[in-house]
């Protein structure tokens, strides 16, 4: 490519000939953080110093705006009696353990934990450009991370990082361009999320109406079940082989995830024999997230479920598919909220409360079949629309990442790029 030079950087093979490749430590001061002793309560009283932890970064993973507030603070006494450091404004932080690769730029002086590595940019490096480079290196962080349970990027690997370095004015142009272009993409992504939320609300209303517009009789959930609902395995011990293990997120696409489920030892599953699955069992999320449900497909017979998932076995003649549908309706969710409370951080639905939930159920087989057809049609249409929205959100995320990577490696001139093609095919 004319005007380009090869690099030895694995994540970007070429950069403009006028740019340099430099060790990051040559243009930024590297540091880290520390956690004051948790056993000394006096270190955690009268806390006023912002203290960056992993949730502060992961909850705003795509944001390029500086971090201004943190969930936790530490005290001046804790700072004075530990290796914690007050990092200056515009310091860039990268998570090197647990949620590896997440990065942030701070908007005021803050301390952080030893889970982060920090860089304070020197005069030849714009901190906004540095943050963008770290975002562009997304795949590189995965290559550098070690560990089977808890991933970690070790300090020697971080000390050896090299980055492309354009002239300072070019760095600023790149940062300005990406601020504007990613904001456009983020607005579209937000619109898609709002549409998905509205679609979910419309689905709930349609399902509630469907249950109310057939001949029905009021009943209690327990009268539709062959046995009492059960919680699953309390403390899972994962293994490479054994019994397949169903968690809350698996309920979103249970049949599709059948081959990729986690496993627990056979002897652990046998301690919870009452929740070993049979085809047709209805599974329901009952801790934290409410209203996710699925019917166990034949290929998942003999699996077991997590503590946050309840197992419901229907009586003869009761449609598991119809019950699973009702467990996603606003009517169900209202009753769940009434018994768990809306202010609870981790709401948990008790099995006795669940058994006594009220619902409208078809009085005869004809009504059941009619309702099943109506609700199946509603859910199928909703799934199709949801797939479209999810596909658009994925495209936007991929284009956002590709745009950042291309800009910080000089694959196009940001001073002449219009950005009009960034969101082609994903209009508002």
Protein backbone atom coordinates (compact mmCIF):
# COMPACT_ATOMS: atom_id res chain seq x y z
CA UNK A 1 0.00 0.00 0.00
CA UNK A 2 1.42 3.40 -1.04
CA UNK A 3 2.66 5.50 1.87
CA UNK A 4 2.49 2.58 4.29
CA UNK A 5 5.18 0.67 6.20
CA UNK A 6 5.17 -2.83 7.64
CA UNK A 7 5.18 -3.31 11.43
CA UNK A 8 5.96 -6.23 13.69
CA UNK A 9 2.79 -5.57 15.67
CA UNK A 10 0.59 -8.64 15.45
CA UNK A 11 -2.68 -6.71 15.57
CA UNK A 12 -1.82 -4.21 12.84
CA UNK A 13 0.55 -5.27 10.04
CA UNK A 14 0.95 -1.79 8.46
CA UNK A 15 0.83 1.87 9.47
CA UNK A 16 1.53 5.12 7.57
CA UNK A 17 5.18 5.70 6.73
CA UNK A 18 5.20 8.98 8.69
CA UNK A 19 4.20 7.23 11.92
CA UNK A 20 6.42 5.52 14.48
CA UNK A 21 6.09 2.33 16.50
CA UNK A 22 7.28 2.94 20.07
CA UNK A 23 7.25 1.12 23.40
CA UNK A 24 4.31 2.50 25.34
CA UNK A 25 6.55 3.00 28.36
CA UNK A 26 8.62 5.51 26.32
CA UNK A 27 5.66 7.88 25.97
CA UNK A 28 3.62 7.16 29.12
CA UNK A 29 4.36 6.50 32.78
CA UNK A 30 3.18 3.04 33.80
CA UNK A 31 1.66 2.28 37.20
CA UNK A 32 -0.91 0.18 39.01
CA UNK A 33 -3.08 0.24 42.12
CA UNK A 34 -3.56 -1.44 45.46
CA UNK A 35 -6.29 -2.38 47.93
CA UNK A 36 -5.91 -1.20 51.52
CA UNK A 37 -6.27 -3.91 54.16
CA UNK A 38 -9.97 -4.84 54.33
CA UNK A 39 -9.54 -6.10 57.89
CA UNK A 40 -8.69 -2.63 59.15
CA UNK A 41 -12.07 -0.91 59.34
CA UNK A 42 -10.47 2.47 59.96
CA UNK A 43 -9.08 2.34 56.38
CA UNK A 44 -12.63 2.16 55.04
CA UNK A 45 -14.25 4.93 57.07
CA UNK A 46 -14.77 8.55 55.94
CA UNK A 47 -13.97 7.51 52.38
CA UNK A 48 -13.74 10.40 49.90
CA UNK A 49 -11.21 9.31 47.26
CA UNK A 50 -12.72 7.78 44.08
CA UNK A 51 -11.48 4.20 43.71
CA UNK A 52 -11.83 2.51 40.32
CA UNK A 53 -12.94 -1.13 40.39
CA UNK A 54 -13.92 -3.52 37.62
CA UNK A 55 -17.70 -2.75 37.65
CA UNK A 56 -16.94 0.93 37.02
CA UNK A 57 -15.36 -0.07 33.73
CA UNK A 58 -17.49 -3.00 32.57
CA UNK A 59 -20.81 -1.14 33.02
CA UNK A 60 -19.64 1.51 30.52
CA UNK A 61 -17.48 -0.75 28.38
CA UNK A 62 -17.91 1.13 25.09
CA UNK A 63 -17.90 4.68 26.42
CA UNK A 64 -15.07 7.00 25.39
CA UNK A 65 -16.12 9.69 27.87
CA UNK A 66 -13.91 10.12 30.93
CA UNK A 67 -14.98 8.32 34.12
CA UNK A 68 -16.17 10.88 36.67
CA UNK A 69 -17.78 8.81 39.44
CA UNK A 70 -16.96 5.43 41.01
CA UNK A 71 -19.07 2.98 42.98
CA UNK A 72 -16.53 2.80 45.79
CA UNK A 73 -14.18 5.19 47.56
CA UNK A 74 -11.21 4.76 49.87
CA UNK A 75 -10.04 6.94 52.73
CA UNK A 76 -6.96 9.11 52.99
CA UNK A 77 -5.84 6.90 55.89
CA UNK A 78 -6.17 3.81 53.71
CA UNK A 79 -4.16 5.51 50.96
CA UNK A 80 -1.43 6.52 53.40
CA UNK A 81 -1.07 2.96 54.75
CA UNK A 82 -1.04 1.05 51.48
CA UNK A 83 0.60 1.06 48.07
CA UNK A 84 -2.48 2.74 46.55
CA UNK A 85 -1.69 5.74 44.34
CA UNK A 86 -3.78 8.80 43.47
CA UNK A 87 -3.56 8.85 39.68
CA UNK A 88 -3.93 12.21 37.92
CA UNK A 89 -6.72 13.26 35.57
CA UNK A 90 -6.53 11.66 32.08
CA UNK A 91 -4.75 8.56 33.35
CA UNK A 92 -5.77 5.57 31.21
CA UNK A 93 -6.49 2.30 33.05
CA UNK A 94 -6.66 -1.25 31.70
CA UNK A 95 -8.14 -4.22 33.58
CA UNK A 96 -5.53 -6.98 33.58
CA UNK A 97 -7.34 -9.60 35.69
CA UNK A 98 -10.89 -11.00 35.80
CA UNK A 99 -12.58 -8.86 33.09
CA UNK A 100 -9.39 -8.65 31.07
CA UNK A 101 -8.98 -5.89 28.49
CA UNK A 102 -11.58 -3.36 29.65
CA UNK A 103 -10.20 0.18 29.62
CA UNK A 104 -11.14 3.66 30.77
CA UNK A 105 -9.83 7.23 30.97
CA UNK A 106 -10.44 9.00 34.29
CA UNK A 107 -11.81 12.54 34.38
CA UNK A 108 -10.41 13.49 37.79
CA UNK A 109 -7.78 12.16 40.22
CA UNK A 110 -8.62 8.60 41.31
CA UNK A 111 -7.04 5.54 42.91
CA UNK A 112 -7.56 1.97 41.71
CA UNK A 113 -6.97 -1.66 42.60
CA UNK A 114 -4.11 -3.95 41.68
CA UNK A 115 -6.41 -5.44 39.03
CA UNK A 116 -5.56 -2.47 36.79
CA UNK A 117 -2.46 -1.27 35.03
CA UNK A 118 -2.31 2.48 34.45
CA UNK A 119 -0.58 4.84 32.03
CA UNK A 120 -0.23 8.58 32.37
CA UNK A 121 0.53 10.02 28.94
CA UNK A 122 3.63 12.14 28.36
CA UNK A 123 3.83 15.21 26.11
CA UNK A 124 3.99 13.20 22.88
CA UNK A 125 0.86 11.12 23.55
CA UNK A 126 -2.78 12.21 23.68
CA UNK A 127 -4.58 10.16 26.40
CA UNK A 128 -7.72 9.96 24.24
CA UNK A 129 -5.69 8.39 21.44
CA UNK A 130 -4.08 5.96 23.92
CA UNK A 131 -7.50 4.80 25.10
CA UNK A 132 -8.53 4.21 21.48
CA UNK A 133 -5.39 2.17 20.80
CA UNK A 134 -6.14 -0.03 23.84
CA UNK A 135 -9.69 -0.52 22.49
CA UNK A 136 -8.30 -1.43 19.06
CA UNK A 137 -6.08 -4.08 20.70
CA UNK A 138 -9.11 -6.07 21.90
CA UNK A 139 -7.93 -9.35 20.35
CA UNK A 140 -4.39 -8.80 21.62
CA UNK A 141 -5.50 -8.77 25.27
CA UNK A 142 -7.05 -12.20 24.85
CA UNK A 143 -3.79 -13.54 23.44
CA UNK A 144 -1.78 -12.13 26.35
CA UNK A 145 -4.09 -13.42 29.10
CA UNK A 146 -3.11 -16.56 31.02
CA UNK A 147 -5.00 -18.81 33.41
CA UNK A 148 -7.68 -21.50 33.25
CA UNK A 149 -10.00 -20.08 35.93
CA UNK A 150 -9.00 -16.43 36.40
CA UNK A 151 -7.36 -14.81 33.39
CA UNK A 152 -4.47 -12.44 34.03
CA UNK A 153 -2.16 -10.35 31.86
CA UNK A 154 1.19 -10.29 33.64
CA UNK A 155 3.16 -7.09 34.10
CA UNK A 156 6.21 -8.10 31.97
CA UNK A 157 3.89 -8.53 28.97
CA UNK A 158 2.31 -5.14 29.63
CA UNK A 159 5.73 -3.51 30.03
CA UNK A 160 6.70 -4.72 26.55
CA UNK A 161 3.65 -3.31 24.72
CA UNK A 162 4.40 -1.17 21.67
CA UNK A 163 1.94 1.13 19.96
CA UNK A 164 1.67 3.06 16.67
CA UNK A 165 2.44 6.74 17.29
CA UNK A 166 1.39 9.40 14.78
CA UNK A 167 2.29 13.06 15.31
CA UNK A 168 0.42 14.62 18.21
CA UNK A 169 -1.87 16.72 16.00
CA UNK A 170 -2.82 13.60 14.06
CA UNK A 171 -3.62 11.81 17.32
CA UNK A 172 -5.98 14.65 18.23
CA UNK A 173 -7.67 14.55 14.82
CA UNK A 174 -8.20 10.81 15.19
CA UNK A 175 -9.68 11.21 18.68
CA UNK A 176 -12.00 14.03 17.52
CA UNK A 177 -13.13 12.01 14.49
CA UNK A 178 -13.85 8.89 16.55
CA UNK A 179 -15.66 10.86 19.25
CA UNK A 180 -18.11 12.05 16.59
CA UNK A 181 -18.42 8.82 14.62
CA UNK A 182 -18.80 6.47 17.57
CA UNK A 183 -21.42 8.82 19.02
CA UNK A 184 -23.44 8.37 15.81
CA UNK A 185 -23.16 4.60 16.07
CA UNK A 186 -24.00 4.66 19.78
CA UNK A 187 -27.18 6.65 19.09
CA UNK A 188 -28.31 4.02 16.60
CA UNK A 189 -27.44 1.23 19.04
CA UNK A 190 -29.48 2.98 21.74
CA UNK A 191 -32.44 3.24 19.37
CA UNK A 192 -32.24 -0.48 18.65
CA UNK A 193 -32.18 -1.22 22.37
CA UNK A 194 -35.27 0.95 22.89
CA UNK A 195 -37.02 -0.84 20.04
CA UNK A 196 -36.17 -4.21 21.61
CA UNK A 197 -37.61 -3.02 24.95
CA UNK A 198 -40.81 -1.79 23.30
CA UNK A 199 -41.10 -5.06 21.40
CA UNK A 200 -40.80 -6.99 24.65
CA UNK A 201 -43.52 -4.86 26.25
CA UNK A 202 -45.79 -5.34 23.25
CA UNK A 203 -45.25 -9.09 23.39
CA UNK A 204 -46.20 -9.16 27.08
CA UNK A 205 -49.43 -7.25 26.49
CA UNK A 206 -50.33 -9.47 23.54
CA UNK A 207 -49.77 -12.63 25.59
CA UNK A 208 -51.79 -11.30 28.53
CA UNK A 209 -54.65 -10.47 26.17
CA UNK A 210 -54.46 -13.91 24.60
CA UNK A 211 -54.84 -15.65 27.97
CA UNK A 212 -57.74 -13.40 28.93
CA UNK A 213 -59.67 -13.75 25.66
CA UNK A 214 -60.30 -17.48 25.74
CA UNK A 215 -62.74 -19.44 27.86
CA UNK A 216 -60.81 -19.95 31.09
CA UNK A 217 -61.15 -20.62 34.76
CA UNK A 218 -59.03 -19.09 37.53
CA UNK A 219 -56.69 -21.55 39.18
CA UNK A 220 -53.47 -21.81 41.18
CA UNK A 221 -50.24 -22.87 39.58
CA UNK A 222 -49.90 -25.83 41.94
CA UNK A 223 -53.05 -27.39 40.46
CA UNK A 224 -51.29 -27.65 37.08
CA UNK A 225 -48.22 -29.45 38.48
CA UNK A 226 -47.57 -33.12 39.15
CA UNK A 227 -45.07 -32.35 41.94
CA UNK A 228 -44.02 -29.25 43.86
CA UNK A 229 -41.58 -26.95 42.04
CA UNK A 230 -37.95 -27.38 43.11
CA UNK A 231 -34.80 -25.29 43.27
CA UNK A 232 -31.70 -26.71 41.59
CA UNK A 233 -28.09 -27.29 42.64
CA UNK A 234 -26.99 -24.85 45.33
CA UNK A 235 -23.20 -24.66 44.85
CA UNK A 236 -22.08 -26.12 41.53
CA UNK A 237 -18.71 -27.76 41.16
CA UNK A 238 -17.87 -27.73 37.48
CA UNK A 239 -16.05 -30.56 35.75
CA UNK A 240 -14.88 -31.53 32.27
CA UNK A 241 -17.33 -34.41 32.14
CA UNK A 242 -20.50 -35.41 33.94
CA UNK A 243 -24.05 -34.06 33.97
CA UNK A 244 -24.99 -31.10 31.80
CA UNK A 245 -25.85 -28.05 33.88
CA UNK A 246 -28.49 -25.45 32.96
CA UNK A 247 -28.13 -21.87 34.18
CA UNK A 248 -30.36 -18.80 33.84
CA UNK A 249 -28.74 -17.47 30.66
CA UNK A 250 -29.11 -20.89 29.02
CA UNK A 251 -32.90 -20.49 29.16
CA UNK A 252 -32.69 -17.86 26.40
CA UNK A 253 -31.93 -20.60 23.85
CA UNK A 254 -31.99 -23.91 25.67
CA UNK A 255 -32.12 -26.22 22.66
CA UNK A 256 -29.44 -24.23 20.82
CA UNK A 257 -27.05 -24.34 23.78
CA UNK A 258 -27.50 -28.04 24.54
CA UNK A 259 -24.03 -28.98 23.25
CA UNK A 260 -22.18 -26.15 25.00
CA UNK A 261 -23.60 -26.36 28.52
CA UNK A 262 -21.32 -26.51 31.54
CA UNK A 263 -21.08 -29.82 33.39
CA UNK A 264 -21.12 -30.88 37.03
CA UNK A 265 -19.96 -34.22 38.54
CA UNK A 266 -22.48 -37.08 38.52
CA UNK A 267 -22.26 -37.45 42.30
CA UNK A 268 -23.14 -33.77 42.82
CA UNK A 269 -26.13 -34.05 40.50
CA UNK A 270 -27.33 -37.18 42.32
CA UNK A 271 -27.60 -35.12 45.54
CA UNK A 272 -30.25 -33.05 43.73
CA UNK A 273 -32.06 -35.92 42.02
CA UNK A 274 -35.43 -34.16 42.21
CA UNK A 275 -34.31 -31.56 39.64
CA UNK A 276 -32.76 -33.97 37.14
CA UNK A 277 -34.60 -33.01 33.97
CA UNK A 278 -37.09 -34.93 31.88
CA UNK A 279 -38.29 -33.86 28.42
CA UNK A 280 -41.24 -31.52 28.89
CA UNK A 281 -40.14 -30.12 32.26
CA UNK A 282 -40.62 -26.36 32.47
CA UNK A 283 -37.62 -24.38 33.76
CA UNK A 284 -37.98 -20.91 35.23
CA UNK A 285 -35.50 -18.29 36.46
CA UNK A 286 -36.36 -17.48 40.08
CA UNK A 287 -33.31 -15.62 41.46
CA UNK A 288 -32.32 -12.18 40.21
CA UNK A 289 -33.79 -12.19 36.71
CA UNK A 290 -37.44 -13.24 36.62
CA UNK A 291 -39.51 -14.44 33.70
CA UNK A 292 -37.07 -16.51 31.68
CA UNK A 293 -38.55 -19.90 30.96
CA UNK A 294 -38.00 -22.85 28.64
CA UNK A 295 -39.26 -26.37 28.06
CA UNK A 296 -36.65 -29.11 28.34
CA UNK A 297 -36.07 -30.68 24.90
CA UNK A 298 -35.49 -34.44 24.49
CA UNK A 299 -31.72 -34.03 24.04
CA UNK A 300 -31.42 -32.55 27.55
CA UNK A 301 -33.01 -35.41 29.46
CA UNK A 302 -30.85 -36.17 32.53
CA UNK A 303 -29.39 -32.67 32.88
CA UNK A 304 -29.63 -30.66 36.11
CA UNK A 305 -30.30 -27.03 36.91
CA UNK A 306 -28.74 -24.20 38.90
CA UNK A 307 -30.03 -22.84 42.21
CA UNK A 308 -31.43 -19.81 40.36
CA UNK A 309 -33.60 -22.07 38.17
CA UNK A 310 -36.78 -23.81 39.31
CA UNK A 311 -37.97 -27.07 37.79
CA UNK A 312 -41.73 -27.48 37.21
CA UNK A 313 -43.28 -30.79 36.07
CA UNK A 314 -46.80 -30.48 34.66
CA UNK A 315 -49.73 -32.82 35.22
CA UNK A 316 -51.12 -35.03 32.50
CA UNK A 317 -52.96 -32.93 29.90
CA UNK A 318 -51.29 -29.63 30.88
CA UNK A 319 -49.25 -28.17 28.03
CA UNK A 320 -45.65 -27.41 29.15
CA UNK A 321 -45.27 -24.98 26.22
CA UNK A 322 -48.34 -23.03 27.27
CA UNK A 323 -47.23 -22.89 30.89
CA UNK A 324 -43.75 -21.74 29.87
CA UNK A 325 -45.38 -18.97 27.85
CA UNK A 326 -47.53 -17.82 30.77
CA UNK A 327 -44.41 -17.62 32.95
CA UNK A 328 -43.13 -14.80 30.69
CA UNK A 329 -46.28 -12.64 30.86
CA UNK A 330 -46.74 -9.35 32.74
CA UNK A 331 -49.37 -11.13 34.85
CA UNK A 332 -46.74 -13.55 36.14
CA UNK A 333 -44.11 -10.82 36.56
CA UNK A 334 -46.49 -8.65 38.59
CA UNK A 335 -47.11 -11.47 41.03
CA UNK A 336 -43.39 -12.21 41.23
CA UNK A 337 -42.70 -8.56 42.03
CA UNK A 338 -45.40 -8.55 44.71
CA UNK A 339 -43.82 -11.42 46.63
CA UNK A 340 -40.12 -10.63 46.09
CA UNK A 341 -40.24 -6.84 46.38
CA UNK A 342 -38.87 -4.35 43.88
CA UNK A 343 -36.14 -2.97 46.16
CA UNK A 344 -34.32 -6.26 46.68
CA UNK A 345 -30.88 -6.42 45.08
CA UNK A 346 -31.20 -10.16 44.41
CA UNK A 347 -34.92 -11.00 44.44
CA UNK A 348 -35.63 -14.67 45.07
CA UNK A 349 -38.96 -16.32 44.34
CA UNK A 350 -39.96 -18.89 46.96
CA UNK A 351 -41.38 -22.20 45.78
CA UNK A 352 -44.43 -21.98 48.04
CA UNK A 353 -45.22 -18.50 46.73
CA UNK A 354 -44.77 -19.72 43.17
CA UNK A 355 -47.09 -22.67 43.74
CA UNK A 356 -49.87 -20.31 44.81
CA UNK A 357 -49.62 -17.91 41.87
CA UNK A 358 -53.00 -17.21 40.25
CA UNK A 359 -53.55 -17.64 36.53
CA UNK A 360 -56.30 -18.05 33.95
CA UNK A 361 -56.21 -21.46 32.30
CA UNK A 362 -58.28 -22.82 29.38
CA UNK A 363 -61.27 -24.86 30.54
CA UNK A 364 -61.00 -27.51 27.83
CA UNK A 365 -58.65 -29.06 25.29
CA UNK A 366 -60.05 -27.00 22.43
CA UNK A 367 -59.38 -23.77 24.30
CA UNK A 368 -55.88 -24.96 25.17
CA UNK A 369 -55.07 -25.76 21.54
CA UNK A 370 -56.47 -22.44 20.34
CA UNK A 371 -54.49 -20.49 22.94
CA UNK A 372 -51.32 -22.43 22.17
CA UNK A 373 -51.66 -21.58 18.47
CA UNK A 374 -52.23 -17.88 19.20
CA UNK A 375 -49.35 -17.54 21.66
CA UNK A 376 -46.99 -19.54 19.46
CA UNK A 377 -47.71 -17.20 16.56
CA UNK A 378 -47.16 -14.13 18.72
CA UNK A 379 -43.85 -15.46 20.05
CA UNK A 380 -42.65 -16.52 16.61
CA UNK A 381 -43.21 -13.04 15.21
CA UNK A 382 -41.49 -11.53 18.23
CA UNK A 383 -38.47 -13.81 17.80
CA UNK A 384 -38.16 -12.86 14.15
CA UNK A 385 -38.21 -9.14 14.93
CA UNK A 386 -35.80 -9.63 17.83
CA UNK A 387 -33.36 -11.46 15.57
CA UNK A 388 -33.41 -8.52 13.15
CA UNK A 389 -32.70 -6.03 15.94
CA UNK A 390 -29.95 -8.21 17.42
CA UNK A 391 -28.33 -8.61 14.00
CA UNK A 392 -28.32 -4.84 13.54
CA UNK A 393 -26.81 -4.29 16.97
CA UNK A 394 -24.07 -6.81 16.19
CA UNK A 395 -23.31 -5.09 12.89
CA UNK A 396 -23.11 -1.72 14.64
CA UNK A 397 -20.76 -3.11 17.31
CA UNK A 398 -18.52 -4.74 14.68
CA UNK A 399 -18.38 -1.56 12.60
CA UNK A 400 -17.63 0.53 15.66
CA UNK A 401 -14.69 -1.71 16.58
CA UNK A 402 -13.43 -1.85 12.98
CA UNK A 403 -13.66 1.94 12.67
CA UNK A 404 -11.57 2.46 15.81
CA UNK A 405 -8.96 -0.06 14.69
CA UNK A 406 -8.72 1.46 11.21
CA UNK A 407 -8.42 5.03 12.48
CA UNK A 408 -5.71 4.44 15.11
CA UNK A 409 -3.58 2.47 12.62
CA UNK A 410 -3.89 5.02 9.78
CA UNK A 411 -5.87 2.80 7.43
CA UNK A 412 -7.65 5.95 6.25
CA UNK A 413 -7.10 9.68 6.59
CA UNK A 414 -9.54 10.96 9.21
CA UNK A 415 -9.13 14.53 8.00
CA UNK A 416 -10.89 13.62 4.74
CA UNK A 417 -13.11 10.71 5.88
CA UNK A 418 -16.80 11.61 5.96
CA UNK A 419 -17.99 8.61 7.97
CA UNK A 420 -21.23 8.51 5.98
CA UNK A 421 -20.79 4.82 5.21
CA UNK A 422 -20.22 3.77 8.81
CA UNK A 423 -23.90 3.01 9.41
CA UNK A 424 -24.96 2.02 5.91
CA UNK A 425 -27.87 -0.41 6.05
CA UNK A 426 -28.59 0.32 9.73
CA UNK A 427 -30.48 3.59 9.52
CA UNK A 428 -32.48 5.20 12.28
